[in-house]
């Protein structure tokens, strides 16, 4: 942990937060999220958004406090390249999920399943951005 840059620490922490919050959201819904004809759990969705935003602010604040000297530095070429590559991977993940969800919707016509599939794809792509950046910074490329 000592040899990590701020952006790598941020990537690992935010990736873990995204996965934990996705597990919390879909765990709270249980199998009802994937059953046809259900209702959108607006309260759970709002709680997810609030907790994720609050968690993100907390994680970034703690990292900025711990790494005071590094927090204001712009990304170097290596960090920029890692983030760019991770964003490209996330775009591929999101595209695959989007196409799959739309094909499923065309066959089954369930809007709630479409919503949850697209939401899961967004969460997965965010996790890929953060964890992919951290992984690329850790292993080099």
N, C-alpha and C. Protein backbone atom coordinates (compact mmCIF):
# COMPACT_ATOMS: atom_id res chain seq x y z
N UNK A 1 0.83 -1.20 0.00
CA UNK A 1 0.00 0.00 0.00
C UNK A 1 0.87 1.25 0.00
N UNK A 2 2.06 1.16 0.58
CA UNK A 2 2.94 2.32 0.66
C UNK A 2 3.46 2.70 -0.72
N UNK A 3 3.69 1.73 -1.60
CA UNK A 3 4.25 2.00 -2.91
C UNK A 3 3.21 2.39 -3.95
N UNK A 4 1.97 2.54 -3.55
CA UNK A 4 0.91 2.87 -4.50
C UNK A 4 0.77 4.37 -4.65
N UNK A 5 0.44 4.78 -5.88
CA UNK A 5 0.13 6.18 -6.11
C UNK A 5 -1.29 6.46 -5.60
N UNK A 6 -1.60 7.72 -5.48
CA UNK A 6 -2.95 8.10 -5.04
C UNK A 6 -4.01 7.56 -5.99
N UNK A 7 -3.75 7.63 -7.28
CA UNK A 7 -4.73 7.16 -8.26
C UNK A 7 -4.93 5.64 -8.19
N UNK A 8 -3.86 4.93 -7.89
CA UNK A 8 -4.02 3.48 -7.74
C UNK A 8 -4.82 3.16 -6.49
N UNK A 9 -4.52 3.82 -5.39
CA UNK A 9 -5.29 3.62 -4.16
C UNK A 9 -6.76 3.98 -4.39
N UNK A 10 -6.97 5.07 -5.09
CA UNK A 10 -8.34 5.49 -5.40
C UNK A 10 -9.05 4.46 -6.26
N UNK A 11 -8.34 3.90 -7.23
CA UNK A 11 -8.93 2.87 -8.09
C UNK A 11 -9.36 1.64 -7.32
N UNK A 12 -8.48 1.15 -6.46
CA UNK A 12 -8.83 -0.03 -5.66
C UNK A 12 -9.99 0.27 -4.72
N UNK A 13 -9.92 1.42 -4.05
CA UNK A 13 -10.97 1.77 -3.07
C UNK A 13 -12.31 1.99 -3.75
N UNK A 14 -12.31 2.73 -4.85
CA UNK A 14 -13.58 3.01 -5.53
C UNK A 14 -14.13 1.76 -6.21
N UNK A 15 -13.26 0.92 -6.75
CA UNK A 15 -13.71 -0.35 -7.33
C UNK A 15 -14.37 -1.23 -6.28
N UNK A 16 -13.74 -1.30 -5.10
CA UNK A 16 -14.33 -2.09 -4.01
C UNK A 16 -15.66 -1.50 -3.57
N UNK A 17 -15.73 -0.16 -3.52
CA UNK A 17 -16.99 0.49 -3.15
C UNK A 17 -18.08 0.18 -4.18
N UNK A 18 -17.76 0.25 -5.46
CA UNK A 18 -18.76 -0.03 -6.51
C UNK A 18 -19.27 -1.47 -6.40
N UNK A 19 -18.37 -2.41 -6.18
CA UNK A 19 -18.78 -3.81 -6.06
C UNK A 19 -19.61 -4.03 -4.80
N UNK A 20 -19.18 -3.44 -3.69
CA UNK A 20 -19.92 -3.59 -2.43
C UNK A 20 -21.31 -2.99 -2.54
N UNK A 21 -21.42 -1.83 -3.16
CA UNK A 21 -22.73 -1.18 -3.28
C UNK A 21 -23.64 -1.94 -4.25
N UNK A 22 -23.07 -2.48 -5.31
CA UNK A 22 -23.87 -3.29 -6.24
C UNK A 22 -24.36 -4.55 -5.52
N UNK A 23 -23.49 -5.18 -4.73
CA UNK A 23 -23.90 -6.37 -3.98
C UNK A 23 -24.99 -6.00 -2.98
N UNK A 24 -24.85 -4.84 -2.34
CA UNK A 24 -25.87 -4.40 -1.38
C UNK A 24 -27.21 -4.18 -2.10
N UNK A 25 -27.18 -3.47 -3.22
CA UNK A 25 -28.41 -3.15 -3.94
C UNK A 25 -29.12 -4.42 -4.42
N UNK A 26 -28.39 -5.26 -5.15
CA UNK A 26 -29.04 -6.45 -5.69
C UNK A 26 -29.32 -7.49 -4.61
N UNK A 27 -28.51 -7.50 -3.55
CA UNK A 27 -28.80 -8.38 -2.43
C UNK A 27 -30.06 -7.97 -1.69
N UNK A 28 -30.26 -6.68 -1.59
CA UNK A 28 -31.45 -6.16 -0.92
C UNK A 28 -32.71 -6.49 -1.72
N UNK A 29 -32.58 -6.47 -3.04
CA UNK A 29 -33.74 -6.81 -3.89
C UNK A 29 -33.99 -8.30 -3.93
N UNK A 30 -32.93 -9.08 -3.84
CA UNK A 30 -33.06 -10.53 -3.93
C UNK A 30 -33.50 -10.96 -5.32
N UNK A 31 -34.19 -12.05 -5.39
CA UNK A 31 -34.61 -12.57 -6.69
C UNK A 31 -35.74 -11.74 -7.30
N UNK A 32 -36.35 -10.85 -6.50
CA UNK A 32 -37.44 -10.02 -7.03
C UNK A 32 -36.95 -9.11 -8.15
N UNK A 33 -35.67 -8.76 -8.14
CA UNK A 33 -35.14 -7.88 -9.19
C UNK A 33 -35.20 -8.53 -10.56
N UNK A 34 -35.19 -9.85 -10.60
CA UNK A 34 -35.11 -10.55 -11.88
C UNK A 34 -36.41 -11.25 -12.24
N UNK A 35 -37.47 -11.00 -11.49
CA UNK A 35 -38.77 -11.61 -11.78
C UNK A 35 -39.58 -10.69 -12.69
N UNK A 36 -40.25 -11.24 -13.65
CA UNK A 36 -41.05 -10.39 -14.56
C UNK A 36 -42.25 -9.77 -13.85
N UNK A 37 -42.59 -8.58 -14.28
CA UNK A 37 -43.80 -7.91 -13.80
C UNK A 37 -43.71 -7.25 -12.45
N UNK A 38 -42.54 -7.09 -11.91
CA UNK A 38 -42.40 -6.45 -10.60
C UNK A 38 -42.45 -4.93 -10.72
N UNK A 39 -42.34 -4.28 -9.58
CA UNK A 39 -42.32 -2.82 -9.55
C UNK A 39 -40.90 -2.34 -9.24
N UNK A 40 -40.57 -1.18 -9.76
CA UNK A 40 -39.25 -0.61 -9.52
C UNK A 40 -39.12 -0.20 -8.06
N UNK A 41 -38.10 -0.67 -7.36
CA UNK A 41 -37.92 -0.33 -5.94
C UNK A 41 -37.26 1.05 -5.80
N UNK A 42 -38.04 2.09 -5.92
CA UNK A 42 -37.52 3.45 -5.95
C UNK A 42 -36.78 3.79 -4.65
N UNK A 43 -37.33 3.38 -3.51
CA UNK A 43 -36.68 3.67 -2.23
C UNK A 43 -35.29 3.05 -2.13
N UNK A 44 -35.16 1.81 -2.56
CA UNK A 44 -33.86 1.14 -2.54
C UNK A 44 -32.90 1.79 -3.52
N UNK A 45 -33.40 2.20 -4.67
CA UNK A 45 -32.57 2.88 -5.67
C UNK A 45 -32.05 4.22 -5.13
N UNK A 46 -32.92 4.98 -4.48
CA UNK A 46 -32.50 6.27 -3.90
C UNK A 46 -31.49 6.04 -2.79
N UNK A 47 -31.71 5.04 -1.96
CA UNK A 47 -30.75 4.72 -0.89
C UNK A 47 -29.41 4.31 -1.48
N UNK A 48 -29.43 3.52 -2.55
CA UNK A 48 -28.19 3.13 -3.22
C UNK A 48 -27.44 4.37 -3.71
N UNK A 49 -28.13 5.26 -4.38
CA UNK A 49 -27.48 6.46 -4.92
C UNK A 49 -26.90 7.32 -3.81
N UNK A 50 -27.67 7.53 -2.74
CA UNK A 50 -27.19 8.34 -1.62
C UNK A 50 -25.96 7.70 -0.97
N UNK A 51 -26.03 6.41 -0.68
CA UNK A 51 -24.92 5.72 -0.03
C UNK A 51 -23.67 5.68 -0.91
N UNK A 52 -23.84 5.50 -2.21
CA UNK A 52 -22.71 5.47 -3.12
C UNK A 52 -22.04 6.83 -3.22
N UNK A 53 -22.83 7.89 -3.32
CA UNK A 53 -22.26 9.24 -3.38
C UNK A 53 -21.55 9.57 -2.07
N UNK A 54 -22.19 9.29 -0.94
CA UNK A 54 -21.57 9.56 0.36
C UNK A 54 -20.30 8.73 0.54
N UNK A 55 -20.33 7.48 0.14
CA UNK A 55 -19.15 6.63 0.24
C UNK A 55 -18.01 7.12 -0.65
N UNK A 56 -18.34 7.58 -1.85
CA UNK A 56 -17.32 8.11 -2.76
C UNK A 56 -16.66 9.35 -2.18
N UNK A 57 -17.47 10.24 -1.64
CA UNK A 57 -16.93 11.46 -1.03
C UNK A 57 -16.03 11.09 0.15
N UNK A 58 -16.47 10.17 0.98
CA UNK A 58 -15.69 9.75 2.14
C UNK A 58 -14.36 9.12 1.72
N UNK A 59 -14.40 8.22 0.75
CA UNK A 59 -13.18 7.55 0.27
C UNK A 59 -12.20 8.58 -0.28
N UNK A 60 -12.68 9.49 -1.12
CA UNK A 60 -11.78 10.46 -1.72
C UNK A 60 -11.23 11.44 -0.69
N UNK A 61 -12.05 11.81 0.29
CA UNK A 61 -11.58 12.71 1.34
C UNK A 61 -10.50 12.05 2.19
N UNK A 62 -10.71 10.80 2.57
CA UNK A 62 -9.72 10.08 3.37
C UNK A 62 -8.42 9.92 2.58
N UNK A 63 -8.52 9.56 1.31
CA UNK A 63 -7.31 9.42 0.49
C UNK A 63 -6.58 10.75 0.32
N UNK A 64 -7.32 11.83 0.17
CA UNK A 64 -6.69 13.14 0.03
C UNK A 64 -6.00 13.56 1.31
N UNK A 65 -6.58 13.24 2.45
CA UNK A 65 -5.97 13.57 3.74
C UNK A 65 -4.70 12.73 3.95
N UNK A 66 -4.78 11.45 3.64
CA UNK A 66 -3.64 10.56 3.83
C UNK A 66 -2.48 10.93 2.89
N UNK A 67 -2.82 11.35 1.68
CA UNK A 67 -1.81 11.65 0.65
C UNK A 67 -1.83 13.14 0.32
N UNK A 68 -1.65 13.97 1.31
CA UNK A 68 -1.76 15.43 1.11
C UNK A 68 -0.90 15.97 -0.02
N UNK A 69 0.34 15.59 -0.07
CA UNK A 69 1.24 16.14 -1.08
C UNK A 69 0.90 15.70 -2.49
N UNK A 70 0.29 14.55 -2.63
CA UNK A 70 0.03 13.97 -3.94
C UNK A 70 -1.36 14.32 -4.48
N UNK A 71 -2.26 14.73 -3.61
CA UNK A 71 -3.66 14.91 -3.99
C UNK A 71 -3.88 16.00 -5.04
N UNK A 72 -3.04 17.02 -5.07
CA UNK A 72 -3.23 18.12 -6.02
C UNK A 72 -2.46 17.97 -7.31
N UNK A 73 -1.65 16.93 -7.44
CA UNK A 73 -0.84 16.75 -8.64
C UNK A 73 -1.71 16.23 -9.79
N UNK A 74 -1.50 16.73 -10.99
CA UNK A 74 -2.22 16.19 -12.15
C UNK A 74 -1.70 14.79 -12.48
N UNK A 75 -2.49 14.05 -13.21
CA UNK A 75 -2.10 12.69 -13.61
C UNK A 75 -0.90 12.76 -14.55
N UNK A 76 0.05 11.84 -14.34
CA UNK A 76 1.18 11.78 -15.26
C UNK A 76 0.78 10.95 -16.48
N UNK A 77 1.73 10.78 -17.42
CA UNK A 77 1.42 10.09 -18.68
C UNK A 77 1.00 8.64 -18.43
N UNK A 78 1.67 7.99 -17.50
CA UNK A 78 1.35 6.60 -17.20
C UNK A 78 -0.05 6.46 -16.63
N UNK A 79 -0.41 7.33 -15.70
CA UNK A 79 -1.75 7.29 -15.10
C UNK A 79 -2.83 7.63 -16.12
N UNK A 80 -2.55 8.58 -16.99
CA UNK A 80 -3.51 8.94 -18.03
C UNK A 80 -3.72 7.79 -19.00
N UNK A 81 -2.64 7.12 -19.40
CA UNK A 81 -2.76 5.99 -20.32
C UNK A 81 -3.52 4.83 -19.68
N UNK A 82 -3.24 4.56 -18.40
CA UNK A 82 -3.94 3.48 -17.70
C UNK A 82 -5.43 3.78 -17.61
N UNK A 83 -5.77 5.01 -17.26
CA UNK A 83 -7.19 5.39 -17.15
C UNK A 83 -7.88 5.31 -18.50
N UNK A 84 -7.20 5.74 -19.55
CA UNK A 84 -7.78 5.69 -20.90
C UNK A 84 -8.06 4.26 -21.32
N UNK A 85 -7.11 3.36 -21.06
CA UNK A 85 -7.30 1.95 -21.43
C UNK A 85 -8.43 1.32 -20.61
N UNK A 86 -8.50 1.63 -19.33
CA UNK A 86 -9.56 1.08 -18.48
C UNK A 86 -10.93 1.59 -18.91
N UNK A 87 -11.02 2.85 -19.30
CA UNK A 87 -12.29 3.40 -19.79
C UNK A 87 -12.71 2.68 -21.08
N UNK A 88 -11.76 2.37 -21.93
CA UNK A 88 -12.08 1.62 -23.16
C UNK A 88 -12.63 0.24 -22.81
N UNK A 89 -11.99 -0.45 -21.84
CA UNK A 89 -12.50 -1.75 -21.41
C UNK A 89 -13.92 -1.63 -20.88
N UNK A 90 -14.16 -0.60 -20.08
CA UNK A 90 -15.49 -0.39 -19.50
C UNK A 90 -16.52 -0.14 -20.59
N UNK A 91 -16.12 0.58 -21.62
CA UNK A 91 -17.03 0.81 -22.75
C UNK A 91 -17.42 -0.49 -23.43
N UNK A 92 -16.47 -1.40 -23.57
CA UNK A 92 -16.78 -2.71 -24.17
C UNK A 92 -17.73 -3.50 -23.28
N UNK A 93 -17.49 -3.48 -21.97
CA UNK A 93 -18.38 -4.18 -21.04
C UNK A 93 -19.79 -3.60 -21.13
N UNK A 94 -19.89 -2.29 -21.11
CA UNK A 94 -21.20 -1.64 -21.16
C UNK A 94 -21.91 -1.94 -22.47
N UNK A 95 -21.18 -1.94 -23.56
CA UNK A 95 -21.78 -2.25 -24.87
C UNK A 95 -22.32 -3.67 -24.90
N UNK A 96 -21.55 -4.62 -24.39
CA UNK A 96 -22.02 -6.02 -24.37
C UNK A 96 -23.28 -6.16 -23.53
N UNK A 97 -23.30 -5.52 -22.37
CA UNK A 97 -24.47 -5.61 -21.50
C UNK A 97 -25.66 -4.92 -22.16
N UNK A 98 -25.44 -3.77 -22.74
CA UNK A 98 -26.52 -3.02 -23.40
C UNK A 98 -27.15 -3.84 -24.51
N UNK A 99 -26.34 -4.41 -25.38
CA UNK A 99 -26.87 -5.21 -26.49
C UNK A 99 -27.60 -6.44 -25.96
N UNK A 100 -27.02 -7.11 -24.98
CA UNK A 100 -27.67 -8.29 -24.41
C UNK A 100 -29.01 -7.94 -23.77
N UNK A 101 -29.03 -6.85 -23.02
CA UNK A 101 -30.27 -6.44 -22.35
C UNK A 101 -31.35 -6.06 -23.36
N UNK A 102 -30.96 -5.36 -24.41
CA UNK A 102 -31.94 -4.98 -25.43
C UNK A 102 -32.46 -6.20 -26.18
N UNK A 103 -31.59 -7.16 -26.47
CA UNK A 103 -32.06 -8.39 -27.12
C UNK A 103 -33.01 -9.16 -26.21
N UNK A 104 -32.68 -9.22 -24.92
CA UNK A 104 -33.56 -9.87 -23.95
C UNK A 104 -34.92 -9.16 -23.92
N UNK A 105 -34.89 -7.83 -23.91
CA UNK A 105 -36.13 -7.06 -23.87
C UNK A 105 -36.97 -7.28 -25.13
N UNK A 106 -36.30 -7.36 -26.27
CA UNK A 106 -37.04 -7.61 -27.52
C UNK A 106 -37.76 -8.96 -27.48
N UNK A 107 -37.14 -9.94 -26.82
CA UNK A 107 -37.74 -11.26 -26.74
C UNK A 107 -38.78 -11.41 -25.65
N UNK A 108 -38.61 -10.69 -24.54
CA UNK A 108 -39.48 -10.90 -23.38
C UNK A 108 -40.34 -9.68 -23.02
N UNK A 109 -39.94 -8.49 -23.42
CA UNK A 109 -40.74 -7.30 -23.18
C UNK A 109 -40.89 -6.88 -21.73
N UNK A 110 -39.95 -7.27 -20.88
CA UNK A 110 -40.04 -6.92 -19.47
C UNK A 110 -39.17 -5.70 -19.19
N UNK A 111 -39.82 -4.57 -18.93
CA UNK A 111 -39.11 -3.32 -18.71
C UNK A 111 -38.30 -3.29 -17.43
N UNK A 112 -38.80 -3.93 -16.36
CA UNK A 112 -38.05 -3.96 -15.10
C UNK A 112 -36.76 -4.75 -15.26
N UNK A 113 -36.81 -5.85 -15.96
CA UNK A 113 -35.60 -6.63 -16.22
C UNK A 113 -34.62 -5.82 -17.06
N UNK A 114 -35.14 -5.07 -18.02
CA UNK A 114 -34.29 -4.20 -18.84
C UNK A 114 -33.60 -3.16 -17.95
N UNK A 115 -34.35 -2.54 -17.05
CA UNK A 115 -33.78 -1.55 -16.15
C UNK A 115 -32.67 -2.15 -15.30
N UNK A 116 -32.96 -3.28 -14.65
CA UNK A 116 -31.96 -3.89 -13.78
C UNK A 116 -30.74 -4.38 -14.55
N UNK A 117 -30.94 -4.87 -15.75
CA UNK A 117 -29.80 -5.30 -16.57
C UNK A 117 -28.92 -4.12 -16.95
N UNK A 118 -29.54 -3.03 -17.38
CA UNK A 118 -28.77 -1.84 -17.74
C UNK A 118 -28.10 -1.23 -16.52
N UNK A 119 -28.79 -1.22 -15.38
CA UNK A 119 -28.21 -0.70 -14.15
C UNK A 119 -27.01 -1.55 -13.72
N UNK A 120 -27.15 -2.87 -13.81
CA UNK A 120 -26.03 -3.76 -13.49
C UNK A 120 -24.87 -3.52 -14.45
N UNK A 121 -25.17 -3.26 -15.71
CA UNK A 121 -24.11 -2.96 -16.67
C UNK A 121 -23.38 -1.67 -16.35
N UNK A 122 -24.12 -0.67 -15.92
CA UNK A 122 -23.48 0.59 -15.52
C UNK A 122 -22.58 0.38 -14.31
N UNK A 123 -23.06 -0.38 -13.34
CA UNK A 123 -22.27 -0.65 -12.14
C UNK A 123 -21.02 -1.45 -12.51
N UNK A 124 -21.17 -2.44 -13.37
CA UNK A 124 -20.02 -3.25 -13.79
C UNK A 124 -19.01 -2.40 -14.54
N UNK A 125 -19.48 -1.52 -15.41
CA UNK A 125 -18.54 -0.69 -16.16
C UNK A 125 -17.79 0.27 -15.25
N UNK A 126 -18.45 0.80 -14.23
CA UNK A 126 -17.77 1.67 -13.27
C UNK A 126 -16.71 0.89 -12.50
N UNK A 127 -17.03 -0.32 -12.10
CA UNK A 127 -16.05 -1.15 -11.40
C UNK A 127 -14.86 -1.45 -12.31
N UNK A 128 -15.12 -1.70 -13.58
CA UNK A 128 -14.04 -1.97 -14.53
C UNK A 128 -13.14 -0.74 -14.69
N UNK A 129 -13.72 0.45 -14.75
CA UNK A 129 -12.91 1.66 -14.85
C UNK A 129 -11.96 1.77 -13.66
N UNK A 130 -12.51 1.68 -12.46
CA UNK A 130 -11.69 1.87 -11.27
C UNK A 130 -10.68 0.74 -11.07
N UNK A 131 -11.16 -0.50 -11.11
CA UNK A 131 -10.27 -1.63 -10.87
C UNK A 131 -9.29 -1.83 -12.03
N UNK A 132 -9.73 -1.56 -13.25
CA UNK A 132 -8.84 -1.67 -14.40
C UNK A 132 -7.71 -0.66 -14.33
N UNK A 133 -8.03 0.56 -13.95
CA UNK A 133 -6.98 1.59 -13.80
C UNK A 133 -5.99 1.17 -12.73
N UNK A 134 -6.49 0.74 -11.58
CA UNK A 134 -5.60 0.32 -10.49
C UNK A 134 -4.74 -0.86 -10.91
N UNK A 135 -5.34 -1.83 -11.58
CA UNK A 135 -4.61 -3.01 -12.01
C UNK A 135 -3.53 -2.65 -13.02
N UNK A 136 -3.86 -1.81 -13.98
CA UNK A 136 -2.86 -1.40 -14.96
C UNK A 136 -1.73 -0.61 -14.32
N UNK A 137 -2.05 0.23 -13.35
CA UNK A 137 -1.00 0.97 -12.66
C UNK A 137 -0.13 0.03 -11.83
N UNK A 138 -0.71 -1.02 -11.27
CA UNK A 138 0.03 -1.96 -10.43
C UNK A 138 0.96 -2.83 -11.28
N UNK A 139 0.44 -3.37 -12.37
CA UNK A 139 1.24 -4.32 -13.15
C UNK A 139 2.07 -3.64 -14.21
N UNK A 140 1.75 -2.39 -14.57
CA UNK A 140 2.44 -1.71 -15.66
C UNK A 140 1.95 -2.24 -17.00
N UNK A 141 2.23 -1.49 -18.04
CA UNK A 141 1.80 -1.96 -19.38
C UNK A 141 2.64 -1.41 -20.45
